Structure formats: structure tokens, C-alpha cells
Amino acid sequence: MIRWIRNFLRMVEHYTKGIILSRIPIGEYDEFVSIYTQEMGRIFAVAKSVKRINSKLSGHIVPGSLVRMRLLE
């Protein structure tokens, strides 16, 4: 439990806007997403549970779309 709390406290949140460049499927529900942001340049992120039927994110993570996002490092 203590280890989980320490790792949770180390996470850094970034709020930024970016353009989705590409999506690569990982497993059954997740995707690896390439994003270009003005502050951080090109970054890669994992979008969790994007391919679920009732996912709110699935229609927004389309290549070429401008999105506001919260990233955890």
C-alpha cells in the first residue's frame, strides 16, 4: 500500500492542446497515440479503454483532430 501511494504522488499532470497524428492498437481496448503539442513537441501516449463500446474518447481520438488533454507522466 505504501509503495502504491509513493508512486501515485510522483505522477505529474500536464494539461495541453495537441493534434492527434496516428493511432496504433495495443491489446483489446487500448491504443498507442502519437500527438504533436506546441509545448512538448511530438509525444507518445497510451489511451486506455478507447475501443470499448461505451467509451467517451473513441470519437475524439481521430488522426488530424485538435484535442485538449490531460497527460500523466
PDB file of N, CA and C in Angstrom:
ATOM      1  N   MET A   1       0.826  -1.200   0.000  1.00  0.00           N
ATOM      2  CA  MET A   1       0.000   0.000   0.000  1.00  0.00           C
ATOM      3  C   MET A   1       0.863   1.254   0.000  1.00  0.00           C
ATOM      4  N   ILE A   2       1.906   1.266   0.821  1.00  0.00           N
ATOM      5  CA  ILE A   2       2.791   2.437   0.904  1.00  0.00           C
ATOM      6  C   ILE A   2       3.474   2.668  -0.440  1.00  0.00           C
ATOM      7  N   ARG A   3       3.916   1.603  -1.106  1.00  0.00           N
ATOM      8  CA  ARG A   3       4.580   1.732  -2.400  1.00  0.00           C
ATOM      9  C   ARG A   3       3.633   2.358  -3.429  1.00  0.00           C
ATOM     10  N   TRP A   4       2.370   1.947  -3.434  1.00  0.00           N
ATOM     11  CA  TRP A   4       1.391   2.484  -4.368  1.00  0.00           C
ATOM     12  C   TRP A   4       1.203   3.985  -4.123  1.00  0.00           C
ATOM     13  N   ILE A   5       1.149   4.402  -2.861  1.00  0.00           N
ATOM     14  CA  ILE A   5       0.964   5.824  -2.538  1.00  0.00           C
ATOM     15  C   ILE A   5       2.180   6.628  -2.999  1.00  0.00           C
ATOM     16  N   ARG A   6       3.385   6.101  -2.803  1.00  0.00           N
ATOM     17  CA  ARG A   6       4.583   6.805  -3.246  1.00  0.00           C
ATOM     18  C   ARG A   6       4.592   6.980  -4.758  1.00  0.00           C
ATOM     19  N   ASN A   7       4.238   5.930  -5.506  1.00  0.00           N
ATOM     20  CA  ASN A   7       4.213   6.036  -6.957  1.00  0.00           C
ATOM     21  C   ASN A   7       3.125   6.997  -7.424  1.00  0.00           C
ATOM     22  N   PHE A   8       1.997   7.024  -6.751  1.00  0.00           N
ATOM     23  CA  PHE A   8       0.916   7.923  -7.115  1.00  0.00           C
ATOM     24  C   PHE A   8       1.323   9.379  -6.909  1.00  0.00           C
ATOM     25  N   LEU A   9       2.050   9.666  -5.853  1.00  0.00           N
ATOM     26  CA  LEU A   9       2.462  11.032  -5.561  1.00  0.00           C
ATOM     27  C   LEU A   9       3.511  11.535  -6.550  1.00  0.00           C
ATOM     28  N   ARG A  10       4.229  10.648  -7.222  1.00  0.00           N
ATOM     29  CA  ARG A  10       5.243  11.054  -8.189  1.00  0.00           C
ATOM     30  C   ARG A  10       4.658  11.428  -9.544  1.00  0.00           C
ATOM     31  N   MET A  11       3.424  11.073  -9.823  1.00  0.00           N
ATOM     32  CA  MET A  11       2.834  11.363 -11.126  1.00  0.00           C
ATOM     33  C   MET A  11       2.678  12.868 -11.320  1.00  0.00           C
ATOM     34  N   VAL A  12       3.042  13.327 -12.503  1.00  0.00           N
ATOM     35  CA  VAL A  12       2.940  14.737 -12.848  1.00  0.00           C
ATOM     36  C   VAL A  12       1.862  14.865 -13.916  1.00  0.00           C
ATOM     37  N   GLU A  13       0.934  15.817 -13.718  1.00  0.00           N
ATOM     38  CA  GLU A  13      -0.133  16.047 -14.678  1.00  0.00           C
ATOM     39  C   GLU A  13       0.229  17.210 -15.595  1.00  0.00           C
ATOM     40  N   HIS A  14      -0.058  17.038 -16.877  1.00  0.00           N
ATOM     41  CA  HIS A  14       0.127  18.102 -17.863  1.00  0.00           C
ATOM     42  C   HIS A  14      -1.200  18.310 -18.570  1.00  0.00           C
ATOM     43  N   TYR A  15      -1.659  19.549 -18.638  1.00  0.00           N
ATOM     44  CA  TYR A  15      -2.856  19.904 -19.402  1.00  0.00           C
ATOM     45  C   TYR A  15      -2.393  20.675 -20.622  1.00  0.00           C
ATOM     46  N   THR A  16      -2.759  20.207 -21.804  1.00  0.00           N
ATOM     47  CA  THR A  16      -2.282  20.836 -23.029  1.00  0.00           C
ATOM     48  C   THR A  16      -3.238  20.570 -24.183  1.00  0.00           C
ATOM     49  N   LYS A  17      -3.030  21.289 -25.283  1.00  0.00           N
ATOM     50  CA  LYS A  17      -3.751  21.046 -26.526  1.00  0.00           C
ATOM     51  C   LYS A  17      -2.795  20.376 -27.493  1.00  0.00           C
ATOM     52  N   GLY A  18      -3.336  19.527 -28.356  1.00  0.00           N
ATOM     53  CA  GLY A  18      -2.479  18.849 -29.316  1.00  0.00           C
ATOM     54  C   GLY A  18      -3.262  18.328 -30.502  1.00  0.00           C
ATOM     55  N   ILE A  19      -2.532  17.926 -31.522  1.00  0.00           N
ATOM     56  CA  ILE A  19      -3.112  17.342 -32.729  1.00  0.00           C
ATOM     57  C   ILE A  19      -2.747  15.865 -32.745  1.00  0.00           C
ATOM     58  N   ILE A  20      -3.754  15.020 -32.920  1.00  0.00           N
ATOM     59  CA  ILE A  20      -3.530  13.582 -32.990  1.00  0.00           C
ATOM     60  C   ILE A  20      -2.898  13.271 -34.344  1.00  0.00           C
ATOM     61  N   LEU A  21      -1.737  12.605 -34.337  1.00  0.00           N
ATOM     62  CA  LEU A  21      -1.052  12.265 -35.576  1.00  0.00           C
ATOM     63  C   LEU A  21      -1.367  10.849 -36.037  1.00  0.00           C
ATOM     64  N   SER A  22      -1.323   9.885 -35.115  1.00  0.00           N
ATOM     65  CA  SER A  22      -1.594   8.499 -35.502  1.00  0.00           C
ATOM     66  C   SER A  22      -2.049   7.693 -34.293  1.00  0.00           C
ATOM     67  N   ARG A  23      -2.676   6.551 -34.583  1.00  0.00           N
ATOM     68  CA  ARG A  23      -3.144   5.618 -33.552  1.00  0.00           C
ATOM     69  C   ARG A  23      -2.688   4.215 -33.922  1.00  0.00           C
ATOM     70  N   ILE A  24      -2.196   3.477 -32.934  1.00  0.00           N
ATOM     71  CA  ILE A  24      -1.781   2.092 -33.146  1.00  0.00           C
ATOM     72  C   ILE A  24      -2.451   1.248 -32.066  1.00  0.00           C
ATOM     73  N   PRO A  25      -3.207   0.224 -32.442  1.00  0.00           N
ATOM     74  CA  PRO A  25      -3.884  -0.606 -31.442  1.00  0.00           C
ATOM     75  C   PRO A  25      -2.900  -1.389 -30.573  1.00  0.00           C
ATOM     76  N   ILE A  26      -3.220  -1.447 -29.286  1.00  0.00           N
ATOM     77  CA  ILE A  26      -2.465  -2.245 -28.328  1.00  0.00           C
ATOM     78  C   ILE A  26      -3.480  -3.105 -27.591  1.00  0.00           C
ATOM     79  N   GLY A  27      -3.356  -4.384 -27.697  1.00  0.00           N
ATOM     80  CA  GLY A  27      -4.271  -5.256 -26.979  1.00  0.00           C
ATOM     81  C   GLY A  27      -5.702  -5.115 -27.459  1.00  0.00           C
ATOM     82  N   GLU A  28      -6.627  -5.400 -26.563  1.00  0.00           N
ATOM     83  CA  GLU A  28      -8.036  -5.438 -26.933  1.00  0.00           C
ATOM     84  C   GLU A  28      -8.719  -4.076 -26.870  1.00  0.00           C
ATOM     85  N   TYR A  29      -8.362  -3.232 -25.898  1.00  0.00           N
ATOM     86  CA  TYR A  29      -9.088  -1.980 -25.690  1.00  0.00           C
ATOM     87  C   TYR A  29      -8.230  -0.722 -25.755  1.00  0.00           C
ATOM     88  N   ASP A  30      -6.915  -0.837 -25.716  1.00  0.00           N
ATOM     89  CA  ASP A  30      -6.035   0.325 -25.614  1.00  0.00           C
ATOM     90  C   ASP A  30      -5.427   0.679 -26.968  1.00  0.00           C
ATOM     91  N   GLU A  31      -4.909   1.904 -27.061  1.00  0.00           N
ATOM     92  CA  GLU A  31      -4.226   2.352 -28.271  1.00  0.00           C
ATOM     93  C   GLU A  31      -3.016   3.203 -27.911  1.00  0.00           C
ATOM     94  N   PHE A  32      -2.000   3.111 -28.743  1.00  0.00           N
ATOM     95  CA  PHE A  32      -0.799   3.922 -28.636  1.00  0.00           C
ATOM     96  C   PHE A  32      -1.022   5.121 -29.551  1.00  0.00           C
ATOM     97  N   VAL A  33      -0.947   6.335 -29.032  1.00  0.00           N
ATOM     98  CA  VAL A  33      -1.312   7.537 -29.777  1.00  0.00           C
ATOM     99  C   VAL A  33      -0.099   8.444 -29.911  1.00  0.00           C
ATOM    100  N   SER A  34       0.125   8.943 -31.119  1.00  0.00           N
ATOM    101  CA  SER A  34       1.165   9.926 -31.377  1.00  0.00           C
ATOM    102  C   SER A  34       0.498  11.294 -31.441  1.00  0.00           C
ATOM    103  N   ILE A  35       1.018  12.253 -30.655  1.00  0.00           N
ATOM    104  CA  ILE A  35       0.405  13.571 -30.512  1.00  0.00           C
ATOM    105  C   ILE A  35       1.471  14.647 -30.711  1.00  0.00           C
ATOM    106  N   TYR A  36       1.104  15.728 -31.404  1.00  0.00           N
ATOM    107  CA  TYR A  36       2.003  16.874 -31.513  1.00  0.00           C
ATOM    108  C   TYR A  36       1.431  18.025 -30.695  1.00  0.00           C
ATOM    109  N   THR A  37       2.209  18.514 -29.718  1.00  0.00           N
ATOM    110  CA  THR A  37       1.797  19.651 -28.900  1.00  0.00           C
ATOM    111  C   THR A  37       2.793  20.791 -29.097  1.00  0.00           C
ATOM    112  N   GLN A  38       2.320  22.004 -28.898  1.00  0.00           N
ATOM    113  CA  GLN A  38       3.182  23.165 -29.067  1.00  0.00           C
ATOM    114  C   GLN A  38       4.218  23.248 -27.947  1.00  0.00           C
ATOM    115  N   GLU A  39       3.826  22.884 -26.722  1.00  0.00           N
ATOM    116  CA  GLU A  39       4.736  22.996 -25.575  1.00  0.00           C
ATOM    117  C   GLU A  39       5.757  21.869 -25.516  1.00  0.00           C
ATOM    118  N   MET A  40       5.340  20.625 -25.832  1.00  0.00           N
ATOM    119  CA  MET A  40       6.205  19.462 -25.639  1.00  0.00           C
ATOM    120  C   MET A  40       6.681  18.823 -26.932  1.00  0.00           C
ATOM    121  N   GLY A  41       6.236  19.309 -28.069  1.00  0.00           N
ATOM    122  CA  GLY A  41       6.628  18.708 -29.341  1.00  0.00           C
ATOM    123  C   GLY A  41       5.857  17.415 -29.589  1.00  0.00           C
ATOM    124  N   ARG A  42       6.493  16.471 -30.266  1.00  0.00           N
ATOM    125  CA  ARG A  42       5.831  15.189 -30.560  1.00  0.00           C
ATOM    126  C   ARG A  42       5.993  14.264 -29.360  1.00  0.00           C
ATOM    127  N   ILE A  43       4.869  13.752 -28.891  1.00  0.00           N
ATOM    128  CA  ILE A  43       4.893  12.835 -27.753  1.00  0.00           C
ATOM    129  C   ILE A  43       4.086  11.592 -28.100  1.00  0.00           C
ATOM    130  N   PHE A  44       4.322  10.542 -27.345  1.00  0.00           N
ATOM    131  CA  PHE A  44       3.605   9.288 -27.497  1.00  0.00           C
ATOM    132  C   PHE A  44       2.903   8.979 -26.183  1.00  0.00           C
ATOM    133  N   ALA A  45       1.661   8.537 -26.272  1.00  0.00           N
ATOM    134  CA  ALA A  45       0.884   8.254 -25.068  1.00  0.00           C
ATOM    135  C   ALA A  45       0.048   7.003 -25.282  1.00  0.00           C
ATOM    136  N   VAL A  46      -0.369   6.399 -24.187  1.00  0.00           N
ATOM    137  CA  VAL A  46      -1.269   5.250 -24.234  1.00  0.00           C
ATOM    138  C   VAL A  46      -2.656   5.725 -23.834  1.00  0.00           C
ATOM    139  N   ALA A  47      -3.617   5.529 -24.708  1.00  0.00           N
ATOM    140  CA  ALA A  47      -5.013   5.869 -24.421  1.00  0.00           C
ATOM    141  C   ALA A  47      -5.699   4.598 -23.927  1.00  0.00           C
ATOM    142  N   LYS A  48      -6.123   4.612 -22.689  1.00  0.00           N
ATOM    143  CA  LYS A  48      -6.716   3.430 -22.070  1.00  0.00           C
ATOM    144  C   LYS A  48      -8.199   3.314 -22.387  1.00  0.00           C
ATOM    145  N   SER A  49      -8.648   2.101 -22.685  1.00  0.00           N
ATOM    146  CA  SER A  49     -10.063   1.745 -22.895  1.00  0.00           C
ATOM    147  C   SER A  49     -10.737   2.566 -23.987  1.00  0.00           C
ATOM    148  N   VAL A  50     -10.000   2.922 -25.020  1.00  0.00           N
ATOM    149  CA  VAL A  50     -10.548   3.737 -26.100  1.00  0.00           C
ATOM    150  C   VAL A  50     -11.488   2.934 -26.994  1.00  0.00           C
ATOM    151  N   LYS A  51     -11.223   1.655 -27.157  1.00  0.00           N
ATOM    152  CA  LYS A  51     -12.004   0.860 -28.100  1.00  0.00           C
ATOM    153  C   LYS A  51     -13.198   0.156 -27.466  1.00  0.00           C
ATOM    154  N   ARG A  52     -13.531   0.502 -26.247  1.00  0.00           N
ATOM    155  CA  ARG A  52     -14.746  -0.060 -25.636  1.00  0.00           C
ATOM    156  C   ARG A  52     -15.976   0.548 -26.309  1.00  0.00           C
ATOM    157  N   ILE A  53     -17.067  -0.169 -26.306  1.00  0.00           N
ATOM    158  CA  ILE A  53     -18.289   0.283 -26.976  1.00  0.00           C
ATOM    159  C   ILE A  53     -18.805   1.586 -26.370  1.00  0.00           C
ATOM    160  N   ASN A  54     -18.789   1.703 -25.055  1.00  0.00           N
ATOM    161  CA  ASN A  54     -19.333   2.892 -24.399  1.00  0.00           C
ATOM    162  C   ASN A  54     -18.250   3.914 -24.023  1.00  0.00           C
ATOM    163  N   SER A  55     -17.138   3.939 -24.751  1.00  0.00           N
ATOM    164  CA  SER A  55     -16.055   4.872 -24.466  1.00  0.00           C
ATOM    165  C   SER A  55     -16.400   6.275 -24.966  1.00  0.00           C
ATOM    166  N   LYS A  56     -16.193   7.279 -24.099  1.00  0.00           N
ATOM    167  CA  LYS A  56     -16.442   8.668 -24.482  1.00  0.00           C
ATOM    168  C   LYS A  56     -15.318   9.218 -25.353  1.00  0.00           C
ATOM    169  N   LEU A  57     -14.145   8.590 -25.307  1.00  0.00           N
ATOM    170  CA  LEU A  57     -12.986   9.110 -26.016  1.00  0.00           C
ATOM    171  C   LEU A  57     -12.872   8.637 -27.460  1.00  0.00           C
ATOM    172  N   SER A  58     -13.555   7.572 -27.824  1.00  0.00           N
ATOM    173  CA  SER A  58     -13.312   6.939 -29.123  1.00  0.00           C
ATOM    174  C   SER A  58     -13.553   7.867 -30.305  1.00  0.00           C
ATOM    175  N   GLY A  59     -14.526   8.729 -30.253  1.00  0.00           N
ATOM    176  CA  GLY A  59     -14.801   9.628 -31.367  1.00  0.00           C
ATOM    177  C   GLY A  59     -13.903  10.838 -31.428  1.00  0.00           C
ATOM    178  N   HIS A  60     -13.167  11.120 -30.367  1.00  0.00           N
ATOM    179  CA  HIS A  60     -12.327  12.315 -30.307  1.00  0.00           C
ATOM    180  C   HIS A  60     -10.877  12.036 -30.657  1.00  0.00           C
ATOM    181  N   ILE A  61     -10.450  10.794 -30.503  1.00  0.00           N
ATOM    182  CA  ILE A  61      -9.054  10.452 -30.789  1.00  0.00           C
ATOM    183  C   ILE A  61      -8.972   9.927 -32.219  1.00  0.00           C
ATOM    184  N   VAL A  62      -9.086  10.854 -33.162  1.00  0.00           N
ATOM    185  CA  VAL A  62      -9.045  10.551 -34.594  1.00  0.00           C
ATOM    186  C   VAL A  62      -7.869  11.338 -35.173  1.00  0.00           C
ATOM    187  N   PRO A  63      -7.022  10.729 -36.011  1.00  0.00           N
ATOM    188  CA  PRO A  63      -5.900  11.478 -36.583  1.00  0.00           C
ATOM    189  C   PRO A  63      -6.360  12.763 -37.283  1.00  0.00           C
ATOM    190  N   GLY A  64      -5.652  13.853 -36.957  1.00  0.00           N
ATOM    191  CA  GLY A  64      -5.968  15.156 -37.527  1.00  0.00           C
ATOM    192  C   GLY A  64      -6.842  16.029 -36.647  1.00  0.00           C
ATOM    193  N   SER A  65      -7.349  15.496 -35.554  1.00  0.00           N
ATOM    194  CA  SER A  65      -8.233  16.291 -34.707  1.00  0.00           C
ATOM    195  C   SER A  65      -7.441  17.044 -33.634  1.00  0.00           C
ATOM    196  N   LEU A  66      -7.914  18.240 -33.305  1.00  0.00           N
ATOM    197  CA  LEU A  66      -7.326  19.068 -32.261  1.00  0.00           C
ATOM    198  C   LEU A  66      -8.043  18.752 -30.958  1.00  0.00           C
ATOM    199  N   VAL A  67      -7.298  18.359 -29.919  1.00  0.00           N
ATOM    200  CA  VAL A  67      -7.900  17.941 -28.659  1.00  0.00           C
ATOM    201  C   VAL A  67      -7.221  18.632 -27.482  1.00  0.00           C
ATOM    202  N   ARG A  68      -7.990  18.843 -26.432  1.00  0.00           N
ATOM    203  CA  ARG A  68      -7.433  19.248 -25.139  1.00  0.00           C
ATOM    204  C   ARG A  68      -7.270  17.960 -24.341  1.00  0.00           C
ATOM    205  N   MET A  69      -6.146  17.795 -23.670  1.00  0.00           N
ATOM    206  CA  MET A  69      -5.911  16.532 -22.984  1.00  0.00           C
ATOM    207  C   MET A  69      -5.199  16.726 -21.663  1.00  0.00           C
ATOM    208  N   ARG A  70      -5.353  15.721 -20.837  1.00  0.00           N
ATOM    209  CA  ARG A  70      -4.626  15.634 -19.576  1.00  0.00           C
ATOM    210  C   ARG A  70      -3.707  14.438 -19.686  1.00  0.00           C
ATOM    211  N   LEU A  71      -2.416  14.669 -19.516  1.00  0.00           N
ATOM    212  CA  LEU A  71      -1.418  13.619 -19.618  1.00  0.00           C
ATOM    213  C   LEU A  71      -0.818  13.380 -18.255  1.00  0.00           C
ATOM    214  N   LEU A  72      -0.602  12.120 -17.919  1.00  0.00           N
ATOM    215  CA  LEU A  72       0.089  11.754 -16.676  1.00  0.00           C
ATOM    216  C   LEU A  72       1.450  11.202 -17.016  1.00  0.00           C
ATOM    217  N   GLU A  73       2.460  11.715 -16.351  1.00  0.00           N
ATOM    218  CA  GLU A  73       3.823  11.284 -16.608  1.00  0.00           C
ATOM    219  C   GLU A  73       4.278  10.367 -15.503  1.00  0.00           C
TER     220      GLU A  73
END
